[in-house]
Amino acid sequence: MLAILQTVDLALDIYTWIIIASAVFSWLYAFNVVNSRNRFVASIGEFLYKVTEPALRPIRKILPDLGGIDISPIVLLLAIFFIRRFMWTTLAPMLLS
């Protein structure tokens, strides 16, 4: 059972870094730091969008409109942090005892 918890924790850790990369990429794209016509850059942006958008879309529907500021990645990162802490402080001791 410990192996399952470690695998889920690793997947959540990887997804955390993907969310951060998506946020940084969106800033670079918005400020024209990266060339949006480059095929490689476009494929990275498309990948990050397709991977993160299903999790961010429901959060964006709930949050109020803050103008040009999107805090949905922060909310998602906080939710992932909570899940990881809950998993190790509550579920792991119950399953391992």
Protein backbone atom coordinates (compact mmCIF):
# COMPACT_ATOMS: atom_id res chain seq x y z
CA MET A 1 0.00 0.00 0.00
CA LEU A 2 2.93 2.30 0.63
CA ALA A 3 3.99 1.93 -3.00
CA ILE A 4 0.59 3.23 -4.16
CA LEU A 5 0.84 6.27 -1.90
CA GLN A 6 4.37 6.99 -3.10
CA THR A 7 3.28 6.67 -6.74
CA VAL A 8 0.33 9.02 -6.24
CA ASP A 9 2.61 11.45 -4.42
CA LEU A 10 5.12 11.36 -7.28
CA ALA A 11 2.36 11.93 -9.86
CA LEU A 12 1.07 14.92 -7.89
CA ASP A 13 4.61 16.28 -7.62
CA ILE A 14 5.13 15.99 -11.38
CA TYR A 15 1.75 17.64 -12.03
CA THR A 16 2.75 20.49 -9.69
CA TRP A 17 5.79 21.20 -11.84
CA ILE A 18 3.69 21.01 -15.00
CA ILE A 19 1.30 23.63 -13.57
CA ILE A 20 4.23 25.89 -12.71
CA ALA A 21 5.71 25.42 -16.20
CA SER A 22 2.34 26.23 -17.75
CA ALA A 23 2.04 29.45 -15.75
CA VAL A 24 5.58 30.55 -16.64
CA PHE A 25 5.00 29.66 -20.29
CA SER A 26 1.79 31.69 -20.38
CA TRP A 27 3.67 34.72 -19.03
CA LEU A 28 6.45 34.30 -21.57
CA TYR A 29 3.88 33.94 -24.34
CA ALA A 30 1.86 36.97 -23.17
CA PHE A 31 4.93 39.22 -23.12
CA ASN A 32 6.23 37.93 -26.49
CA VAL A 33 9.40 36.52 -24.99
CA VAL A 34 8.98 33.25 -26.86
CA ASN A 35 8.35 33.06 -30.59
CA SER A 36 4.76 31.89 -30.96
CA ARG A 37 5.31 30.97 -34.64
CA ASN A 38 7.99 28.43 -33.79
CA ARG A 39 6.59 24.90 -34.16
CA PHE A 40 8.43 23.55 -31.12
CA VAL A 41 7.27 26.40 -28.87
CA ALA A 42 3.71 26.00 -30.12
CA SER A 43 3.74 22.27 -29.41
CA ILE A 44 5.03 22.85 -25.87
CA GLY A 45 2.31 25.43 -25.28
CA GLU A 46 -0.36 23.13 -26.66
CA PHE A 47 0.84 20.24 -24.49
CA LEU A 48 0.86 22.35 -21.33
CA TYR A 49 -2.58 23.73 -22.14
CA LYS A 50 -4.10 20.30 -22.79
CA VAL A 51 -2.62 18.83 -19.63
CA THR A 52 -3.56 21.63 -17.24
CA GLU A 53 -6.80 23.03 -18.66
CA PRO A 54 -9.09 20.16 -17.53
CA ALA A 55 -8.08 20.81 -13.92
CA LEU A 56 -8.04 24.61 -14.16
CA ARG A 57 -11.35 25.11 -16.02
CA PRO A 58 -13.65 24.15 -13.10
CA ILE A 59 -11.67 26.39 -10.75
CA ARG A 60 -11.98 29.32 -13.16
CA LYS A 61 -15.75 28.84 -13.25
CA ILE A 62 -15.97 29.14 -9.46
CA LEU A 63 -13.54 32.04 -8.94
CA PRO A 64 -14.77 35.61 -9.43
CA ASP A 65 -13.41 37.66 -12.31
CA LEU A 66 -10.28 39.47 -11.16
CA GLY A 67 -9.62 41.28 -14.41
CA GLY A 68 -6.44 40.11 -16.09
CA ILE A 69 -5.20 38.10 -13.12
CA ASP A 70 -5.69 34.33 -13.17
CA ILE A 71 -5.18 32.79 -9.74
CA SER A 72 -6.58 29.38 -10.66
CA PRO A 73 -3.08 27.78 -10.82
CA ILE A 74 -2.42 28.98 -7.26
CA VAL A 75 -5.73 27.50 -6.08
CA LEU A 76 -4.92 24.21 -7.82
CA LEU A 77 -1.43 24.12 -6.30
CA LEU A 78 -2.93 24.70 -2.84
CA ALA A 79 -5.39 21.86 -3.43
CA ILE A 80 -2.56 19.53 -4.50
CA PHE A 81 -0.54 20.57 -1.44
CA PHE A 82 -3.53 19.78 0.79
CA ILE A 83 -4.10 16.38 -0.85
CA ARG A 84 -0.44 15.43 -0.45
CA ARG A 85 -0.37 16.47 3.22
CA PHE A 86 -3.67 14.71 3.93
CA MET A 87 -2.41 11.59 2.23
CA TRP A 88 0.77 11.39 4.33
CA THR A 89 -0.59 12.60 7.67
CA THR A 90 -3.98 10.86 7.69
CA LEU A 91 -4.19 8.08 5.13
CA ALA A 92 -0.68 6.66 5.43
CA PRO A 93 -0.80 6.06 9.20
CA MET A 94 -4.23 4.43 8.87
CA LEU A 95 -3.13 2.14 6.05
CA LEU A 96 0.24 1.22 7.51
CA SER A 97 -0.95 0.32 11.00
